Amino acid sequence: MTTTVERGVARALVRPLPTRFSLTPKTTLAGQLDGAWWPYSRDLAAELPPLVDAMESHTGRITRVMVNPTRWPVVPHKVPVTGHTTHVGWFTEQDPDKVILLSYTVGRCDLLVIPPDTEPATAARLMTAATVPGSVLTAGVLMSDEAATGRRTEDVRSSEDAWETDGGAAPPPVRHPVVGARMIPLPGRMGR
């Protein structure tokens, strides 16, 4: 390990973490997404350079990145990447769970953005779902489905517990974490 001295304080240089992303296999089937990216934090200035470096071996030079600012506390205008600078733009109309990368050679590449604090098993499911060739599922739908699926499993357990502890009373409807609509469990679906 290499150590550097900066202003009289010794710091060990840490190897950068590998970029966590997956791409749809090359095929003639066009889908809504071209893959998925699982950043380590919500720091776009720190997370974009490794992603762009990793993507450039597949897509050629990335010139522009577009995000929705609702998921990123700070959106820089430019980020330095190996050998050049990539421009960053933001659009509130864009799906907040997606990042768009533009290159001269491939054109547009849409990636699902998996939240940094996602459990590894959930991230693996989302990465797999985002790389299905020809899939019509958007980033928002994948995230909503995953949230609903995870919630449904918890609801089944809590419904059974409520049945046992509350004398058979059904739990109140829960709010959907993404849409905010009420989800009412169907009769006969308890415990499945």
C-alpha atoms as a PDB file:
ATOM      1  CA  MET A   1       0.000   0.000   0.000  1.00  0.00           C
ATOM      2  CA  THR A   2       1.206   3.462  -0.853  1.00  0.00           C
ATOM      3  CA  THR A   3       1.176   6.282   1.661  1.00  0.00           C
ATOM      4  CA  THR A   4       1.146   9.975   0.866  1.00  0.00           C
ATOM      5  CA  VAL A   5       1.868  12.882   3.135  1.00  0.00           C
ATOM      6  CA  GLU A   6      -0.377  15.906   2.874  1.00  0.00           C
ATOM      7  CA  ARG A   7       0.183  18.846   5.193  1.00  0.00           C
ATOM      8  CA  GLY A   8       2.030  16.686   7.678  1.00  0.00           C
ATOM      9  CA  VAL A   9      -0.680  13.984   7.874  1.00  0.00           C
ATOM     10  CA  ALA A  10       0.000  10.539   6.475  1.00  0.00           C
ATOM     11  CA  ARG A  11      -2.925   9.017   4.538  1.00  0.00           C
ATOM     12  CA  ALA A  12      -3.104   5.629   2.933  1.00  0.00           C
ATOM     13  CA  LEU A  13      -4.237   5.691  -0.674  1.00  0.00           C
ATOM     14  CA  VAL A  14      -7.322   3.582  -1.040  1.00  0.00           C
ATOM     15  CA  ARG A  15      -7.979   1.639  -4.191  1.00  0.00           C
ATOM     16  CA  PRO A  16     -11.118   2.828  -5.933  1.00  0.00           C
ATOM     17  CA  LEU A  17     -14.114   0.551  -5.639  1.00  0.00           C
ATOM     18  CA  PRO A  18     -15.174  -1.232  -8.829  1.00  0.00           C
ATOM     19  CA  THR A  19     -18.020   0.360 -10.774  1.00  0.00           C
ATOM     20  CA  ARG A  20     -21.185  -1.647 -10.251  1.00  0.00           C
ATOM     21  CA  PHE A  21     -23.087  -1.738 -13.518  1.00  0.00           C
ATOM     22  CA  SER A  22     -24.486  -4.216 -16.006  1.00  0.00           C
ATOM     23  CA  LEU A  23     -25.431  -3.790 -19.655  1.00  0.00           C
ATOM     24  CA  THR A  24     -28.030  -5.443 -21.840  1.00  0.00           C
ATOM     25  CA  PRO A  25     -26.421  -8.031 -24.151  1.00  0.00           C
ATOM     26  CA  LYS A  26     -26.006  -6.868 -27.746  1.00  0.00           C
ATOM     27  CA  THR A  27     -29.138  -7.878 -29.615  1.00  0.00           C
ATOM     28  CA  THR A  28     -31.561  -6.535 -32.193  1.00  0.00           C
ATOM     29  CA  LEU A  29     -34.297  -6.259 -29.552  1.00  0.00           C
ATOM     30  CA  ALA A  30     -34.547  -2.678 -28.327  1.00  0.00           C
ATOM     31  CA  GLY A  31     -35.852  -2.193 -24.817  1.00  0.00           C
ATOM     32  CA  GLN A  32     -36.578   0.712 -22.519  1.00  0.00           C
ATOM     33  CA  LEU A  33     -33.264   0.317 -20.649  1.00  0.00           C
ATOM     34  CA  ASP A  34     -29.722  -0.504 -21.700  1.00  0.00           C
ATOM     35  CA  GLY A  35     -28.634  -1.691 -18.269  1.00  0.00           C
ATOM     36  CA  ALA A  36     -28.327  -0.694 -14.632  1.00  0.00           C
ATOM     37  CA  TRP A  37     -25.919   1.201 -12.393  1.00  0.00           C
ATOM     38  CA  TRP A  38     -25.560   0.833  -8.630  1.00  0.00           C
ATOM     39  CA  PRO A  39     -23.573   3.826  -7.294  1.00  0.00           C
ATOM     40  CA  TYR A  40     -21.986   3.805  -3.828  1.00  0.00           C
ATOM     41  CA  SER A  41     -23.351   7.240  -2.832  1.00  0.00           C
ATOM     42  CA  ARG A  42     -25.509  10.172  -3.947  1.00  0.00           C
ATOM     43  CA  ASP A  43     -22.374  12.228  -4.681  1.00  0.00           C
ATOM     44  CA  LEU A  44     -22.714  12.619  -8.452  1.00  0.00           C
ATOM     45  CA  ALA A  45     -19.347  14.377  -8.824  1.00  0.00           C
ATOM     46  CA  ALA A  46     -17.609  11.362  -7.259  1.00  0.00           C
ATOM     47  CA  GLU A  47     -19.774   8.633  -8.821  1.00  0.00           C
ATOM     48  CA  LEU A  48     -19.950   9.749 -12.458  1.00  0.00           C
ATOM     49  CA  PRO A  49     -16.241   9.644 -13.427  1.00  0.00           C
ATOM     50  CA  PRO A  50     -15.826   5.903 -12.685  1.00  0.00           C
ATOM     51  CA  LEU A  51     -19.119   5.128 -14.466  1.00  0.00           C
ATOM     52  CA  VAL A  52     -18.165   7.146 -17.536  1.00  0.00           C
ATOM     53  CA  ASP A  53     -14.678   5.565 -17.603  1.00  0.00           C
ATOM     54  CA  ALA A  54     -16.186   2.062 -17.390  1.00  0.00           C
ATOM     55  CA  MET A  55     -18.879   2.791 -19.983  1.00  0.00           C
ATOM     56  CA  GLU A  56     -16.499   4.292 -22.524  1.00  0.00           C
ATOM     57  CA  SER A  57     -14.958   0.894 -23.240  1.00  0.00           C
ATOM     58  CA  HIS A  58     -18.453  -0.231 -24.383  1.00  0.00           C
ATOM     59  CA  THR A  59     -19.913   2.929 -25.912  1.00  0.00           C
ATOM     60  CA  GLY A  60     -17.037   5.148 -26.955  1.00  0.00           C
ATOM     61  CA  ARG A  61     -16.514   8.618 -25.537  1.00  0.00           C
ATOM     62  CA  ILE A  62     -19.352   9.814 -23.284  1.00  0.00           C
ATOM     63  CA  THR A  63     -19.926  13.517 -23.929  1.00  0.00           C
ATOM     64  CA  ARG A  64     -23.012  14.244 -21.860  1.00  0.00           C
ATOM     65  CA  VAL A  65     -24.881  12.761 -18.890  1.00  0.00           C
ATOM     66  CA  MET A  66     -28.459  13.623 -17.935  1.00  0.00           C
ATOM     67  CA  VAL A  67     -30.113  13.012 -14.555  1.00  0.00           C
ATOM     68  CA  ASN A  68     -33.204  14.034 -12.620  1.00  0.00           C
ATOM     69  CA  PRO A  69     -32.096  16.236  -9.690  1.00  0.00           C
ATOM     70  CA  THR A  70     -34.615  14.745  -7.230  1.00  0.00           C
ATOM     71  CA  ARG A  71     -32.273  11.825  -6.496  1.00  0.00           C
ATOM     72  CA  TRP A  72     -29.013  13.819  -6.459  1.00  0.00           C
ATOM     73  CA  PRO A  73     -28.427  16.568  -3.850  1.00  0.00           C
ATOM     74  CA  VAL A  74     -25.876  18.354  -6.071  1.00  0.00           C
ATOM     75  CA  VAL A  75     -25.676  18.139  -9.864  1.00  0.00           C
ATOM     76  CA  PRO A  76     -22.354  19.454 -11.179  1.00  0.00           C
ATOM     77  CA  HIS A  77     -22.275  21.082 -14.636  1.00  0.00           C
ATOM     78  CA  LYS A  78     -19.129  19.182 -15.644  1.00  0.00           C
ATOM     79  CA  VAL A  79     -17.163  16.235 -14.306  1.00  0.00           C
ATOM     80  CA  PRO A  80     -13.553  15.447 -15.139  1.00  0.00           C
ATOM     81  CA  VAL A  81     -13.099  12.026 -16.705  1.00  0.00           C
ATOM     82  CA  THR A  82      -9.898  10.370 -17.894  1.00  0.00           C
ATOM     83  CA  GLY A  83      -8.711  12.454 -20.836  1.00  0.00           C
ATOM     84  CA  HIS A  84     -11.707  14.802 -21.126  1.00  0.00           C
ATOM     85  CA  THR A  85     -14.609  16.515 -19.410  1.00  0.00           C
ATOM     86  CA  THR A  86     -18.191  15.265 -19.513  1.00  0.00           C
ATOM     87  CA  HIS A  87     -21.078  17.727 -19.340  1.00  0.00           C
ATOM     88  CA  VAL A  88     -23.916  16.996 -16.931  1.00  0.00           C
ATOM     89  CA  GLY A  89     -27.463  18.212 -17.391  1.00  0.00           C
ATOM     90  CA  TRP A  90     -30.636  17.734 -15.431  1.00  0.00           C
ATOM     91  CA  PHE A  91     -34.274  17.507 -16.373  1.00  0.00           C
ATOM     92  CA  THR A  92     -37.146  17.213 -13.918  1.00  0.00           C
ATOM     93  CA  GLU A  93     -39.238  15.516 -16.625  1.00  0.00           C
ATOM     94  CA  GLN A  94     -36.758  12.628 -16.810  1.00  0.00           C
ATOM     95  CA  ASP A  95     -37.439   9.468 -14.804  1.00  0.00           C
ATOM     96  CA  PRO A  96     -35.685  10.029 -11.438  1.00  0.00           C
ATOM     97  CA  ASP A  97     -34.523   6.393 -11.376  1.00  0.00           C
ATOM     98  CA  LYS A  98     -32.635   6.682 -14.664  1.00  0.00           C
ATOM     99  CA  VAL A  99     -29.403   8.198 -15.941  1.00  0.00           C
ATOM    100  CA  ILE A 100     -28.907   8.896 -19.641  1.00  0.00           C
ATOM    101  CA  LEU A 101     -25.429   8.817 -21.167  1.00  0.00           C
ATOM    102  CA  LEU A 102     -24.770  10.208 -24.643  1.00  0.00           C
ATOM    103  CA  SER A 103     -21.839   9.230 -26.846  1.00  0.00           C
ATOM    104  CA  TYR A 104     -20.815   9.990 -30.428  1.00  0.00           C
ATOM    105  CA  THR A 105     -20.563   6.350 -31.453  1.00  0.00           C
ATOM    106  CA  VAL A 106     -23.481   4.553 -29.783  1.00  0.00           C
ATOM    107  CA  GLY A 107     -25.826   7.459 -29.240  1.00  0.00           C
ATOM    108  CA  ARG A 108     -27.987   7.165 -26.144  1.00  0.00           C
ATOM    109  CA  CYS A 109     -27.619   4.706 -23.266  1.00  0.00           C
ATOM    110  CA  ASP A 110     -30.341   4.631 -20.567  1.00  0.00           C
ATOM    111  CA  LEU A 111     -29.409   3.037 -17.251  1.00  0.00           C
ATOM    112  CA  LEU A 112     -31.572   2.230 -14.246  1.00  0.00           C
ATOM    113  CA  VAL A 113     -30.054   3.863 -11.143  1.00  0.00           C
ATOM    114  CA  ILE A 114     -30.269   1.563  -8.135  1.00  0.00           C
ATOM    115  CA  PRO A 115     -30.213   3.513  -4.854  1.00  0.00           C
ATOM    116  CA  PRO A 116     -26.855   3.251  -3.031  1.00  0.00           C
ATOM    117  CA  ASP A 117     -28.372   1.834   0.171  1.00  0.00           C
ATOM    118  CA  THR A 118     -30.132  -1.043  -1.624  1.00  0.00           C
ATOM    119  CA  GLU A 119     -29.565  -4.544  -0.252  1.00  0.00           C
ATOM    120  CA  PRO A 120     -27.273  -6.648  -2.506  1.00  0.00           C
ATOM    121  CA  ALA A 121     -29.962  -9.254  -3.290  1.00  0.00           C
ATOM    122  CA  THR A 122     -32.401  -6.545  -4.324  1.00  0.00           C
ATOM    123  CA  ALA A 123     -29.746  -4.797  -6.414  1.00  0.00           C
ATOM    124  CA  ALA A 124     -28.936  -8.091  -8.155  1.00  0.00           C
ATOM    125  CA  ARG A 125     -32.631  -8.593  -9.025  1.00  0.00           C
ATOM    126  CA  LEU A 126     -32.889  -5.059 -10.372  1.00  0.00           C
ATOM    127  CA  MET A 127     -29.692  -5.365 -12.396  1.00  0.00           C
ATOM    128  CA  THR A 128     -30.949  -8.580 -13.952  1.00  0.00           C
ATOM    129  CA  ALA A 129     -34.378  -7.104 -14.722  1.00  0.00           C
ATOM    130  CA  ALA A 130     -32.855  -3.988 -16.309  1.00  0.00           C
ATOM    131  CA  THR A 131     -30.713  -6.018 -18.702  1.00  0.00           C
ATOM    132  CA  VAL A 132     -33.462  -8.156 -20.262  1.00  0.00           C
ATOM    133  CA  PRO A 133     -33.259  -7.579 -24.026  1.00  0.00           C
ATOM    134  CA  GLY A 134     -36.390  -5.978 -25.461  1.00  0.00           C
ATOM    135  CA  SER A 135     -37.972  -5.312 -22.064  1.00  0.00           C
ATOM    136  CA  VAL A 136     -40.802  -2.769 -22.063  1.00  0.00           C
ATOM    137  CA  LEU A 137     -40.352  -2.028 -18.341  1.00  0.00           C
ATOM    138  CA  THR A 138     -39.127   1.462 -17.532  1.00  0.00           C
ATOM    139  CA  ALA A 139     -36.839   2.425 -14.654  1.00  0.00           C
ATOM    140  CA  GLY A 140     -39.760   3.765 -12.624  1.00  0.00           C
ATOM    141  CA  VAL A 141     -41.801   0.599 -13.145  1.00  0.00           C
ATOM    142  CA  LEU A 142     -38.907  -1.644 -12.087  1.00  0.00           C
ATOM    143  CA  MET A 143     -38.323   0.374  -8.915  1.00  0.00           C
ATOM    144  CA  SER A 144     -42.047   0.527  -8.130  1.00  0.00           C
ATOM    145  CA  ASP A 145     -42.455  -3.223  -8.700  1.00  0.00           C
ATOM    146  CA  GLU A 146     -39.484  -3.972  -6.462  1.00  0.00           C
ATOM    147  CA  ALA A 147     -40.810  -1.702  -3.726  1.00  0.00           C
ATOM    148  CA  ALA A 148     -44.262  -3.289  -3.982  1.00  0.00           C
ATOM    149  CA  THR A 149     -42.838  -6.810  -3.973  1.00  0.00           C
ATOM    150  CA  GLY A 150     -40.708  -6.109  -0.905  1.00  0.00           C
ATOM    151  CA  ARG A 151     -43.644  -4.401   0.800  1.00  0.00           C
ATOM    152  CA  ARG A 152     -45.998  -7.266  -0.087  1.00  0.00           C
ATOM    153  CA  THR A 153     -43.747  -9.781   1.662  1.00  0.00           C
ATOM    154  CA  GLU A 154     -43.681  -7.621   4.789  1.00  0.00           C
ATOM    155  CA  ASP A 155     -47.464  -7.087   4.581  1.00  0.00           C
ATOM    156  CA  VAL A 156     -48.118 -10.833   4.497  1.00  0.00           C
ATOM    157  CA  ARG A 157     -46.046 -11.345   7.628  1.00  0.00           C
ATOM    158  CA  SER A 158     -47.603  -8.360   9.411  1.00  0.00           C
ATOM    159  CA  SER A 159     -51.096  -9.457   8.343  1.00  0.00           C
ATOM    160  CA  GLU A 160     -50.558 -12.881   9.838  1.00  0.00           C
ATOM    161  CA  ASP A 161     -49.206 -11.316  13.031  1.00  0.00           C
ATOM    162  CA  ALA A 162     -52.185  -8.955  13.196  1.00  0.00           C
ATOM    163  CA  TRP A 163     -54.571 -11.865  12.716  1.00  0.00           C
ATOM    164  CA  GLU A 164     -52.965 -13.732  15.602  1.00  0.00           C
ATOM    165  CA  THR A 165     -52.584 -10.817  18.000  1.00  0.00           C
ATOM    166  CA  ASP A 166     -55.606  -8.640  17.186  1.00  0.00           C
ATOM    167  CA  GLY A 167     -58.293 -11.312  17.258  1.00  0.00           C
ATOM    168  CA  GLY A 168     -58.472 -11.655  13.509  1.00  0.00           C
ATOM    169  CA  ALA A 169     -58.751  -7.971  12.595  1.00  0.00           C
ATOM    170  CA  ALA A 170     -57.365  -7.145   9.170  1.00  0.00           C
ATOM    171  CA  PRO A 171     -54.614  -4.513   9.026  1.00  0.00           C
ATOM    172  CA  PRO A 172     -55.444  -1.084   7.567  1.00  0.00           C
ATOM    173  CA  PRO A 173     -54.474  -0.444   3.928  1.00  0.00           C
ATOM    174  CA  VAL A 174     -50.844   0.593   3.491  1.00  0.00           C
ATOM    175  CA  ARG A 175     -49.605   3.393   1.305  1.00  0.00           C
ATOM    176  CA  HIS A 176     -47.597   2.436  -1.756  1.00  0.00           C
ATOM    177  CA  PRO A 177     -44.043   3.755  -1.192  1.00  0.00           C
ATOM    178  CA  VAL A 178     -43.660   5.180  -4.705  1.00  0.00           C
ATOM    179  CA  VAL A 179     -47.111   6.151  -5.925  1.00  0.00           C
ATOM    180  CA  GLY A 180     -48.744   6.984  -2.595  1.00  0.00           C
ATOM    181  CA  ALA A 181     -51.938   5.129  -3.483  1.00  0.00           C
ATOM    182  CA  ARG A 182     -53.610   2.859  -0.970  1.00  0.00           C
ATOM    183  CA  MET A 183     -53.042  -0.848  -1.480  1.00  0.00           C
ATOM    184  CA  ILE A 184     -55.796  -3.032  -0.072  1.00  0.00           C
ATOM    185  CA  PRO A 185     -54.921  -6.718   0.355  1.00  0.00           C
ATOM    186  CA  LEU A 186     -57.351  -8.979  -1.507  1.00  0.00           C
ATOM    187  CA  PRO A 187     -59.384 -11.441   0.580  1.00  0.00           C
ATOM    188  CA  GLY A 188     -58.015 -14.969   0.403  1.00  0.00           C
ATOM    189  CA  ARG A 189     -54.526 -13.756  -0.439  1.00  0.00           C
ATOM    190  CA  MET A 190     -53.361 -13.678   3.183  1.00  0.00           C
ATOM    191  CA  GLY A 191     -50.520 -16.056   4.014  1.00  0.00           C
ATOM    192  CA  ARG A 192     -49.577 -16.896   0.423  1.00  0.00           C
END
